[in-house]
Amino acid sequence: TNYADSVKGRFTISRDNAKNTVYLQMNSLKPADTAVYSCMIPTRY
């Protein structure tokens, strides 16, 4: 895993491959965290 400096220690990313799911646990949220959050999978194509 890797994190933006602004969220280190507050956010945790994890995955459950059996469920085809990635999670983002966000704690100690700040007004600066307000945004649209999207997930992305990069592939060769």
All heavy atoms as atom14 arrays in JSON, in Angstrom:
{
  "sequence": "TNYADSVKGRFTISRDNAKNTVYLQMNSLKPADTAVYSCMIPTRY",
  "atom14_mask": [
    [1, 1, 1, 1, 1, 1, 1, 0, 0, 0, 0, 0, 0, 0],
    [1, 1, 1, 1, 1, 1, 1, 1, 0, 0, 0, 0, 0, 0],
    [1, 1, 1, 1, 1, 1, 1, 1, 1, 1, 1, 1, 0, 0],
    [1, 1, 1, 1, 1, 0, 0, 0, 0, 0, 0, 0, 0, 0],
    [1, 1, 1, 1, 1, 1, 1, 1, 0, 0, 0, 0, 0, 0],
    [1, 1, 1, 1, 1, 1, 0, 0, 0, 0, 0, 0, 0, 0],
    [1, 1, 1, 1, 1, 1, 1, 0, 0, 0, 0, 0, 0, 0],
    [1, 1, 1, 1, 1, 1, 1, 1, 1, 0, 0, 0, 0, 0],
    [1, 1, 1, 1, 0, 0, 0, 0, 0, 0, 0, 0, 0, 0],
    [1, 1, 1, 1, 1, 1, 1, 1, 1, 1, 1, 0, 0, 0],
    [1, 1, 1, 1, 1, 1, 1, 1, 1, 1, 1, 0, 0, 0],
    [1, 1, 1, 1, 1, 1, 1, 0, 0, 0, 0, 0, 0, 0],
    [1, 1, 1, 1, 1, 1, 1, 1, 0, 0, 0, 0, 0, 0],
    [1, 1, 1, 1, 1, 1, 0, 0, 0, 0, 0, 0, 0, 0],
    [1, 1, 1, 1, 1, 1, 1, 1, 1, 1, 1, 0, 0, 0],
    [1, 1, 1, 1, 1, 1, 1, 1, 0, 0, 0, 0, 0, 0],
    [1, 1, 1, 1, 1, 1, 1, 1, 0, 0, 0, 0, 0, 0],
    [1, 1, 1, 1, 1, 0, 0, 0, 0, 0, 0, 0, 0, 0],
    [1, 1, 1, 1, 1, 1, 1, 1, 1, 0, 0, 0, 0, 0],
    [1, 1, 1, 1, 1, 1, 1, 1, 0, 0, 0, 0, 0, 0],
    [1, 1, 1, 1, 1, 1, 1, 0, 0, 0, 0, 0, 0, 0],
    [1, 1, 1, 1, 1, 1, 1, 0, 0, 0, 0, 0, 0, 0],
    [1, 1, 1, 1, 1, 1, 1, 1, 1, 1, 1, 1, 0, 0],
    [1, 1, 1, 1, 1, 1, 1, 1, 0, 0, 0, 0, 0, 0],
    [1, 1, 1, 1, 1, 1, 1, 1, 1, 0, 0, 0, 0, 0],
    [1, 1, 1, 1, 1, 1, 1, 1, 0, 0, 0, 0, 0, 0],
    [1, 1, 1, 1, 1, 1, 1, 1, 0, 0, 0, 0, 0, 0],
    [1, 1, 1, 1, 1, 1, 0, 0, 0, 0, 0, 0, 0, 0],
    [1, 1, 1, 1, 1, 1, 1, 1, 0, 0, 0, 0, 0, 0],
    [1, 1, 1, 1, 1, 1, 1, 1, 1, 0, 0, 0, 0, 0],
    [1, 1, 1, 1, 1, 1, 1, 0, 0, 0, 0, 0, 0, 0],
    [1, 1, 1, 1, 1, 0, 0, 0, 0, 0, 0, 0, 0, 0],
    [1, 1, 1, 1, 1, 1, 1, 1, 0, 0, 0, 0, 0, 0],
    [1, 1, 1, 1, 1, 1, 1, 0, 0, 0, 0, 0, 0, 0],
    [1, 1, 1, 1, 1, 0, 0, 0, 0, 0, 0, 0, 0, 0],
    [1, 1, 1, 1, 1, 1, 1, 0, 0, 0, 0, 0, 0, 0],
    [1, 1, 1, 1, 1, 1, 1, 1, 1, 1, 1, 1, 0, 0],
    [1, 1, 1, 1, 1, 1, 0, 0, 0, 0, 0, 0, 0, 0],
    [1, 1, 1, 1, 1, 1, 0, 0, 0, 0, 0, 0, 0, 0],
    [1, 1, 1, 1, 1, 1, 1, 1, 0, 0, 0, 0, 0, 0],
    [1, 1, 1, 1, 1, 1, 1, 1, 0, 0, 0, 0, 0, 0],
    [1, 1, 1, 1, 1, 1, 1, 0, 0, 0, 0, 0, 0, 0],
    [1, 1, 1, 1, 1, 1, 1, 0, 0, 0, 0, 0, 0, 0],
    [1, 1, 1, 1, 1, 1, 1, 1, 1, 1, 1, 0, 0, 0],
    [1, 1, 1, 1, 1, 1, 1, 1, 1, 1, 1, 1, 0, 0]
  ],
  "atom14_positions": [
    [[0.82, -1.21, 0.0], [0.0, 0.0, 0.0], [0.86, 1.26, 0.0], [2.03, 1.24, 0.44], [-0.92, 0.05, 1.23], [-0.11, 0.02, 2.42], [-1.87, -1.14, 1.24], [0.0, 0.0, 0.0], [0.0, 0.0, 0.0], [0.0, 0.0, 0.0], [0.0, 0.0, 0.0], [0.0, 0.0, 0.0], [0.0, 0.0, 0.0], [0.0, 0.0, 0.0]],
    [[0.29, 2.34, -0.49], [0.92, 3.64, -0.34], [-0.17, 4.69, -0.22], [-1.3, 4.47, -0.68], [1.89, 3.96, -1.48], [1.19, 4.16, -2.81], [0.87, 3.19, -3.46], [0.99, 5.41, -3.19], [0.0, 0.0, 0.0], [0.0, 0.0, 0.0], [0.0, 0.0, 0.0], [0.0, 0.0, 0.0], [0.0, 0.0, 0.0], [0.0, 0.0, 0.0]],
    [[0.18, 5.8, 0.42], [-0.8, 6.83, 0.76], [-0.26, 8.22, 0.45], [0.95, 8.47, 0.54], [-1.14, 6.77, 2.26], [-1.73, 5.46, 2.69], [-0.94, 4.43, 3.15], [-3.11, 5.28, 2.65], [-1.5, 3.22, 3.54], [-3.68, 4.09, 3.05], [-2.86, 3.06, 3.49], [-3.43, 1.87, 3.88], [0.0, 0.0, 0.0], [0.0, 0.0, 0.0]],
    [[-1.17, 9.11, 0.15], [-0.8, 10.52, 0.08], [-0.42, 10.99, 1.48], [-0.98, 10.52, 2.48], [-1.97, 11.34, -0.45], [0.0, 0.0, 0.0], [0.0, 0.0, 0.0], [0.0, 0.0, 0.0], [0.0, 0.0, 0.0], [0.0, 0.0, 0.0], [0.0, 0.0, 0.0], [0.0, 0.0, 0.0], [0.0, 0.0, 0.0], [0.0, 0.0, 0.0]],
    [[0.52, 11.91, 1.54], [0.97, 12.4, 2.84], [-0.19, 12.96, 3.65], [-0.21, 12.85, 4.88], [2.05, 13.47, 2.65], [3.38, 12.9, 2.2], [3.58, 11.67, 2.33], [4.21, 13.67, 1.7], [0.0, 0.0, 0.0], [0.0, 0.0, 0.0], [0.0, 0.0, 0.0], [0.0, 0.0, 0.0], [0.0, 0.0, 0.0], [0.0, 0.0, 0.0]],
    [[-1.14, 13.56, 2.97], [-2.24, 14.23, 3.67], [-3.18, 13.27, 4.38], [-3.97, 13.7, 5.24], [-3.04, 15.07, 2.67], [-3.57, 14.26, 1.63], [0.0, 0.0, 0.0], [0.0, 0.0, 0.0], [0.0, 0.0, 0.0], [0.0, 0.0, 0.0], [0.0, 0.0, 0.0], [0.0, 0.0, 0.0], [0.0, 0.0, 0.0], [0.0, 0.0, 0.0]],
    [[-3.11, 11.97, 4.06], [-4.03, 11.01, 4.68], [-3.31, 9.93, 5.48], [-3.96, 9.1, 6.1], [-4.95, 10.36, 3.63], [-5.68, 11.42, 2.8], [-4.19, 9.39, 2.74], [0.0, 0.0, 0.0], [0.0, 0.0, 0.0], [0.0, 0.0, 0.0], [0.0, 0.0, 0.0], [0.0, 0.0, 0.0], [0.0, 0.0, 0.0], [0.0, 0.0, 0.0]],
    [[-2.0, 9.94, 5.45], [-1.25, 8.92, 6.19], [-1.62, 8.94, 7.67], [-1.69, 10.01, 8.28], [0.26, 9.15, 6.03], [0.82, 8.65, 4.72], [2.32, 8.9, 4.64], [2.87, 8.43, 3.3], [4.32, 8.74, 3.16], [0.0, 0.0, 0.0], [0.0, 0.0, 0.0], [0.0, 0.0, 0.0], [0.0, 0.0, 0.0], [0.0, 0.0, 0.0]],
    [[-1.83, 7.76, 8.2], [-2.2, 7.64, 9.61], [-3.69, 7.8, 9.86], [-4.15, 7.52, 10.97], [0.0, 0.0, 0.0], [0.0, 0.0, 0.0], [0.0, 0.0, 0.0], [0.0, 0.0, 0.0], [0.0, 0.0, 0.0], [0.0, 0.0, 0.0], [0.0, 0.0, 0.0], [0.0, 0.0, 0.0], [0.0, 0.0, 0.0], [0.0, 0.0, 0.0]],
    [[-4.44, 8.23, 8.85], [-5.89, 8.4, 9.02], [-6.68, 7.46, 8.11], [-7.76, 7.01, 8.5], [-6.29, 9.84, 8.69], [-5.63, 10.87, 9.59], [-6.22, 12.27, 9.35], [-6.03, 12.76, 7.99], [-7.02, 13.11, 7.18], [-8.28, 13.02, 7.58], [-6.76, 13.56, 5.96], [0.0, 0.0, 0.0], [0.0, 0.0, 0.0], [0.0, 0.0, 0.0]],
    [[-6.18, 7.19, 6.93], [-6.88, 6.34, 5.96], [-6.16, 5.0, 5.84], [-4.94, 4.93, 5.94], [-6.89, 7.0, 4.58], [-7.77, 8.22, 4.44], [-8.31, 8.85, 5.56], [-8.05, 8.74, 3.2], [-9.12, 9.96, 5.44], [-8.86, 9.86, 3.04], [-9.38, 10.47, 4.17], [0.0, 0.0, 0.0], [0.0, 0.0, 0.0], [0.0, 0.0, 0.0]],
    [[-6.94, 3.96, 5.58], [-6.39, 2.63, 5.36], [-7.07, 2.0, 4.16], [-8.3, 1.92, 4.11], [-6.59, 1.73, 6.58], [-5.99, 2.34, 7.74], [-5.96, 0.36, 6.35], [0.0, 0.0, 0.0], [0.0, 0.0, 0.0], [0.0, 0.0, 0.0], [0.0, 0.0, 0.0], [0.0, 0.0, 0.0], [0.0, 0.0, 0.0], [0.0, 0.0, 0.0]],
    [[-6.26, 1.56, 3.22], [-6.79, 0.85, 2.05], [-6.58, -0.64, 2.25], [-5.54, -1.07, 2.78], [-6.12, 1.35, 0.74], [-6.82, 0.78, -0.48], [-4.63, 1.05, 0.73], [-6.35, 1.4, -1.79], [0.0, 0.0, 0.0], [0.0, 0.0, 0.0], [0.0, 0.0, 0.0], [0.0, 0.0, 0.0], [0.0, 0.0, 0.0], [0.0, 0.0, 0.0]],
    [[-7.56, -1.42, 1.84], [-7.46, -2.87, 1.95], [-8.26, -3.5, 0.83], [-9.03, -2.82, 0.14], [-7.97, -3.35, 3.32], [-9.34, -3.01, 3.48], [0.0, 0.0, 0.0], [0.0, 0.0, 0.0], [0.0, 0.0, 0.0], [0.0, 0.0, 0.0], [0.0, 0.0, 0.0], [0.0, 0.0, 0.0], [0.0, 0.0, 0.0], [0.0, 0.0, 0.0]],
    [[-8.08, -4.79, 0.65], [-8.81, -5.48, -0.42], [-9.25, -6.85, 0.05], [-8.59, -7.49, 0.89], [-7.95, -5.58, -1.68], [-6.73, -6.45, -1.58], [-5.83, -6.27, -2.82], [-6.52, -6.63, -4.04], [-6.14, -6.21, -5.25], [-5.1, -5.4, -5.39], [-6.82, -6.6, -6.33], [0.0, 0.0, 0.0], [0.0, 0.0, 0.0], [0.0, 0.0, 0.0]],
    [[-10.36, -7.29, -0.52], [-10.88, -8.63, -0.3], [-11.1, -9.23, -1.69], [-12.12, -8.95, -2.34], [-12.19, -8.58, 0.5], [-12.73, -9.95, 0.84], [-12.34, -10.94, 0.18], [-13.56, -10.04, 1.75], [0.0, 0.0, 0.0], [0.0, 0.0, 0.0], [0.0, 0.0, 0.0], [0.0, 0.0, 0.0], [0.0, 0.0, 0.0], [0.0, 0.0, 0.0]],
    [[-10.14, -10.0, -2.13], [-10.22, -10.52, -3.5], [-11.38, -11.49, -3.68], [-11.92, -11.61, -4.79], [-8.91, -11.2, -3.88], [-7.77, -10.21, -4.04], [-7.98, -9.04, -4.37], [-6.56, -10.67, -3.77], [0.0, 0.0, 0.0], [0.0, 0.0, 0.0], [0.0, 0.0, 0.0], [0.0, 0.0, 0.0], [0.0, 0.0, 0.0], [0.0, 0.0, 0.0]],
    [[-11.78, -12.16, -2.63], [-12.92, -13.08, -2.74], [-14.21, -12.33, -3.05], [-15.14, -12.9, -3.63], [-13.07, -13.88, -1.45], [0.0, 0.0, 0.0], [0.0, 0.0, 0.0], [0.0, 0.0, 0.0], [0.0, 0.0, 0.0], [0.0, 0.0, 0.0], [0.0, 0.0, 0.0], [0.0, 0.0, 0.0], [0.0, 0.0, 0.0], [0.0, 0.0, 0.0]],
    [[-14.25, -11.06, -2.66], [-15.43, -10.23, -2.91], [-15.22, -9.22, -4.03], [-16.07, -8.35, -4.25], [-15.84, -9.5, -1.62], [-16.27, -10.43, -0.5], [-16.7, -9.63, 0.73], [-17.18, -10.57, 1.83], [-17.61, -9.82, 3.04], [0.0, 0.0, 0.0], [0.0, 0.0, 0.0], [0.0, 0.0, 0.0], [0.0, 0.0, 0.0], [0.0, 0.0, 0.0]],
    [[-14.07, -9.29, -4.69], [-13.76, -8.32, -5.75], [-13.91, -6.89, -5.25], [-14.41, -6.02, -5.98], [-14.65, -8.53, -6.97], [-14.15, -9.63, -7.89], [-13.34, -10.45, -7.48], [-14.62, -9.64, -9.12], [0.0, 0.0, 0.0], [0.0, 0.0, 0.0], [0.0, 0.0, 0.0], [0.0, 0.0, 0.0], [0.0, 0.0, 0.0], [0.0, 0.0, 0.0]],
    [[-13.46, -6.63, -4.04], [-13.72, -5.34, -3.41], [-12.45, -4.75, -2.8], [-11.64, -5.48, -2.21], [-14.78, -5.48, -2.31], [-15.98, -6.0, -2.88], [-15.09, -4.14, -1.66], [0.0, 0.0, 0.0], [0.0, 0.0, 0.0], [0.0, 0.0, 0.0], [0.0, 0.0, 0.0], [0.0, 0.0, 0.0], [0.0, 0.0, 0.0], [0.0, 0.0, 0.0]],
    [[-12.32, -3.44, -2.97], [-11.29, -2.67, -2.28], [-11.98, -1.67, -1.38], [-12.97, -1.05, -1.78], [-10.36, -1.96, -3.28], [-9.46, -0.96, -2.57], [-9.51, -2.96, -4.03], [0.0, 0.0, 0.0], [0.0, 0.0, 0.0], [0.0, 0.0, 0.0], [0.0, 0.0, 0.0], [0.0, 0.0, 0.0], [0.0, 0.0, 0.0], [0.0, 0.0, 0.0]],
    [[-11.46, -1.51, -0.18], [-12.05, -0.61, 0.81], [-11.11, 0.56, 1.09], [-9.89, 0.45, 0.96], [-12.31, -1.35, 2.12], [-13.18, -2.56, 1.99], [-12.64, -3.84, 1.93], [-14.57, -2.43, 1.92], [-13.45, -4.96, 1.8], [-15.39, -3.54, 1.79], [-14.82, -4.8, 1.74], [-15.63, -5.91, 1.61], [0.0, 0.0, 0.0], [0.0, 0.0, 0.0]],
    [[-11.7, 1.65, 1.49], [-10.94, 2.78, 2.0], [-11.57, 3.21, 3.32], [-12.66, 3.79, 3.33], [-10.92, 3.95, 1.02], [-10.02, 5.12, 1.42], [-8.55, 4.7, 1.4], [-10.24, 6.33, 0.52], [0.0, 0.0, 0.0], [0.0, 0.0, 0.0], [0.0, 0.0, 0.0], [0.0, 0.0, 0.0], [0.0, 0.0, 0.0], [0.0, 0.0, 0.0]],
    [[-10.91, 2.84, 4.4], [-11.36, 3.25, 5.73], [-10.8, 4.63, 6.02], [-9.58, 4.82, 5.98], [-10.9, 2.26, 6.79], [-11.29, 2.63, 8.21], [-12.78, 2.57, 8.44], [-13.45, 1.64, 8.01], [-13.32, 3.58, 9.11], [0.0, 0.0, 0.0], [0.0, 0.0, 0.0], [0.0, 0.0, 0.0], [0.0, 0.0, 0.0], [0.0, 0.0, 0.0]],
    [[-11.68, 5.56, 6.29], [-11.28, 6.96, 6.5], [-11.66, 7.37, 7.92], [-12.85, 7.41, 8.26], [-11.94, 7.87, 5.47], [-11.7, 7.44, 4.03], [-12.32, 8.62, 2.82], [-14.07, 8.54, 3.14], [0.0, 0.0, 0.0], [0.0, 0.0, 0.0], [0.0, 0.0, 0.0], [0.0, 0.0, 0.0], [0.0, 0.0, 0.0], [0.0, 0.0, 0.0]],
    [[-10.67, 7.67, 8.73], [-10.88, 8.09, 10.11], [-10.4, 9.52, 10.29], [-9.65, 10.05, 9.47], [-10.14, 7.16, 11.06], [-10.61, 5.72, 10.98], [-11.78, 5.45, 10.71], [-9.69, 4.79, 11.21], [0.0, 0.0, 0.0], [0.0, 0.0, 0.0], [0.0, 0.0, 0.0], [0.0, 0.0, 0.0], [0.0, 0.0, 0.0], [0.0, 0.0, 0.0]],
    [[-10.82, 10.12, 11.39], [-10.4, 11.49, 11.71], [-10.58, 12.42, 10.51], [-9.67, 13.18, 10.15], [-8.94, 11.49, 12.18], [-8.76, 10.65, 13.29], [0.0, 0.0, 0.0], [0.0, 0.0, 0.0], [0.0, 0.0, 0.0], [0.0, 0.0, 0.0], [0.0, 0.0, 0.0], [0.0, 0.0, 0.0], [0.0, 0.0, 0.0], [0.0, 0.0, 0.0]],
    [[-11.73, 12.35, 9.93], [-11.98, 13.12, 8.71], [-11.95, 14.62, 8.99], [-12.35, 15.08, 10.07], [-13.31, 12.72, 8.09], [-13.26, 11.38, 7.32], [-14.66, 10.81, 7.13], [-12.57, 11.57, 5.98], [0.0, 0.0, 0.0], [0.0, 0.0, 0.0], [0.0, 0.0, 0.0], [0.0, 0.0, 0.0], [0.0, 0.0, 0.0], [0.0, 0.0, 0.0]],
    [[-11.48, 15.35, 7.97], [-11.36, 16.8, 8.05], [-12.18, 17.43, 6.92], [-12.4, 16.8, 5.89], [-9.9, 17.21, 7.88], [-8.94, 16.55, 8.84], [-7.5, 16.92, 8.51], [-6.52, 16.25, 9.43], [-5.1, 16.61, 9.1], [0.0, 0.0, 0.0], [0.0, 0.0, 0.0], [0.0, 0.0, 0.0], [0.0, 0.0, 0.0], [0.0, 0.0, 0.0]],
    [[-12.59, 18.66, 7.08], [-13.28, 19.33, 5.97], [-12.48, 19.3, 4.66], [-13.07, 19.24, 3.58], [-13.47, 20.76, 6.49], [-13.58, 20.59, 7.97], [-12.62, 19.47, 8.31], [0.0, 0.0, 0.0], [0.0, 0.0, 0.0], [0.0, 0.0, 0.0], [0.0, 0.0, 0.0], [0.0, 0.0, 0.0], [0.0, 0.0, 0.0], [0.0, 0.0, 0.0]],
    [[-11.16, 19.32, 4.77], [-10.31, 19.27, 3.57], [-10.41, 17.95, 2.83], [-9.95, 17.83, 1.68], [-8.86, 19.53, 3.95], [0.0, 0.0, 0.0], [0.0, 0.0, 0.0], [0.0, 0.0, 0.0], [0.0, 0.0, 0.0], [0.0, 0.0, 0.0], [0.0, 0.0, 0.0], [0.0, 0.0, 0.0], [0.0, 0.0, 0.0], [0.0, 0.0, 0.0]],
    [[-11.0, 16.93, 3.46], [-11.19, 15.63, 2.8], [-12.43, 15.61, 1.92], [-12.68, 14.63, 1.22], [-11.29, 14.52, 3.84], [-10.02, 14.34, 4.63], [-8.93, 14.37, 4.03], [-10.12, 14.15, 5.87], [0.0, 0.0, 0.0], [0.0, 0.0, 0.0], [0.0, 0.0, 0.0], [0.0, 0.0, 0.0], [0.0, 0.0, 0.0], [0.0, 0.0, 0.0]],
    [[-13.22, 16.67, 1.95], [-14.42, 16.74, 1.14], [-14.07, 16.67, -0.34], [-13.26, 17.45, -0.84], [-15.19, 18.05, 1.43], [-15.64, 18.03, 2.78], [-16.36, 18.2, 0.49], [0.0, 0.0, 0.0], [0.0, 0.0, 0.0], [0.0, 0.0, 0.0], [0.0, 0.0, 0.0], [0.0, 0.0, 0.0], [0.0, 0.0, 0.0], [0.0, 0.0, 0.0]],
    [[-14.67, 15.71, -1.05], [-14.36, 15.49, -2.46], [-15.23, 14.36, -2.98], [-15.9, 13.67, -2.21], [-12.88, 15.14, -2.64], [0.0, 0.0, 0.0], [0.0, 0.0, 0.0], [0.0, 0.0, 0.0], [0.0, 0.0, 0.0], [0.0, 0.0, 0.0], [0.0, 0.0, 0.0], [0.0, 0.0, 0.0], [0.0, 0.0, 0.0], [0.0, 0.0, 0.0]],
    [[-15.17, 14.17, -4.29], [-15.7, 12.96, -4.9], [-14.57, 11.94, -4.95], [-13.49, 12.22, -5.48], [-16.24, 13.22, -6.32], [-16.67, 11.92, -6.97], [-17.41, 14.21, -6.26], [0.0, 0.0, 0.0], [0.0, 0.0, 0.0], [0.0, 0.0, 0.0], [0.0, 0.0, 0.0], [0.0, 0.0, 0.0], [0.0, 0.0, 0.0], [0.0, 0.0, 0.0]],
    [[-14.83, 10.78, -4.38], [-13.83, 9.72, -4.32], [-14.16, 8.65, -5.37], [-15.3, 8.18, -5.45], [-13.81, 9.09, -2.94], [-13.16, 9.97, -1.9], [-13.78, 11.13, -1.44], [-11.91, 9.66, -1.36], [-13.18, 11.95, -0.5], [-11.3, 10.46, -0.42], [-11.94, 11.62, 0.0], [-11.34, 12.43, 0.94], [0.0, 0.0, 0.0], [0.0, 0.0, 0.0]],
    [[-13.15, 8.29, -6.13], [-13.32, 7.31, -7.2], [-12.21, 6.27, -7.12], [-11.08, 6.58, -6.75], [-13.26, 7.99, -8.57], [-14.22, 9.02, -8.71], [0.0, 0.0, 0.0], [0.0, 0.0, 0.0], [0.0, 0.0, 0.0], [0.0, 0.0, 0.0], [0.0, 0.0, 0.0], [0.0, 0.0, 0.0], [0.0, 0.0, 0.0], [0.0, 0.0, 0.0]],
    [[-12.55, 5.05, -7.5], [-11.52, 4.02, -7.59], [-11.15, 3.81, -9.05], [-11.94, 4.09, -9.96], [-11.97, 2.72, -6.94], [-13.48, 2.01, -7.58], [0.0, 0.0, 0.0], [0.0, 0.0, 0.0], [0.0, 0.0, 0.0], [0.0, 0.0, 0.0], [0.0, 0.0, 0.0], [0.0, 0.0, 0.0], [0.0, 0.0, 0.0], [0.0, 0.0, 0.0]],
    [[-9.95, 3.31, -9.23], [-9.43, 3.14, -10.59], [-8.56, 1.91, -10.67], [-7.77, 1.64, -9.74], [-8.62, 4.37, -11.0], [-8.21, 4.4, -12.46], [-6.65, 3.54, -12.81], [-5.48, 4.78, -12.25], [0.0, 0.0, 0.0], [0.0, 0.0, 0.0], [0.0, 0.0, 0.0], [0.0, 0.0, 0.0], [0.0, 0.0, 0.0], [0.0, 0.0, 0.0]],
    [[-8.71, 1.17, -11.74], [-7.84, 0.03, -12.03], [-7.09, 0.3, -13.32], [-7.71, 0.5, -14.37], [-8.65, -1.27, -12.17], [-9.19, -1.7, -10.8], [-7.8, -2.37, -12.76], [-10.03, -2.96, -10.82], [0.0, 0.0, 0.0], [0.0, 0.0, 0.0], [0.0, 0.0, 0.0], [0.0, 0.0, 0.0], [0.0, 0.0, 0.0], [0.0, 0.0, 0.0]],
    [[-5.78, 0.36, -13.26], [-4.99, 0.55, -14.47], [-4.71, -0.8, -15.14], [-4.36, -1.78, -14.46], [-3.7, 1.17, -13.94], [-3.56, 0.59, -12.56], [-4.95, 0.33, -12.05], [0.0, 0.0, 0.0], [0.0, 0.0, 0.0], [0.0, 0.0, 0.0], [0.0, 0.0, 0.0], [0.0, 0.0, 0.0], [0.0, 0.0, 0.0], [0.0, 0.0, 0.0]],
    [[-4.9, -0.86, -16.43], [-4.52, -2.06, -17.17], [-3.64, -1.66, -18.34], [-3.45, -0.47, -18.61], [-5.74, -2.84, -17.69], [-6.35, -2.11, -18.77], [-6.77, -3.07, -16.59], [0.0, 0.0, 0.0], [0.0, 0.0, 0.0], [0.0, 0.0, 0.0], [0.0, 0.0, 0.0], [0.0, 0.0, 0.0], [0.0, 0.0, 0.0], [0.0, 0.0, 0.0]],
    [[-3.15, -2.64, -19.04], [-2.28, -2.37, -20.17], [-2.98, -1.54, -21.23], [-2.36, -0.71, -21.9], [-1.81, -3.68, -20.79], [-0.97, -3.53, -22.04], [-0.67, -4.86, -22.67], [0.07, -5.76, -21.78], [0.46, -6.99, -22.12], [0.15, -7.46, -23.31], [1.12, -7.73, -21.27], [0.0, 0.0, 0.0], [0.0, 0.0, 0.0], [0.0, 0.0, 0.0]],
    [[-4.28, -1.73, -21.36], [-4.99, -1.13, -22.48], [-5.7, 0.17, -22.1], [-5.85, 1.06, -22.92], [-5.99, -2.13, -23.04], [-5.33, -3.42, -23.47], [-5.46, -4.58, -22.71], [-4.53, -3.47, -24.61], [-4.83, -5.74, -23.08], [-3.9, -4.64, -24.99], [-4.05, -5.76, -24.22], [-3.43, -6.92, -24.59], [0.0, 0.0, 0.0], [0.0, 0.0, 0.0]]
  ]
}
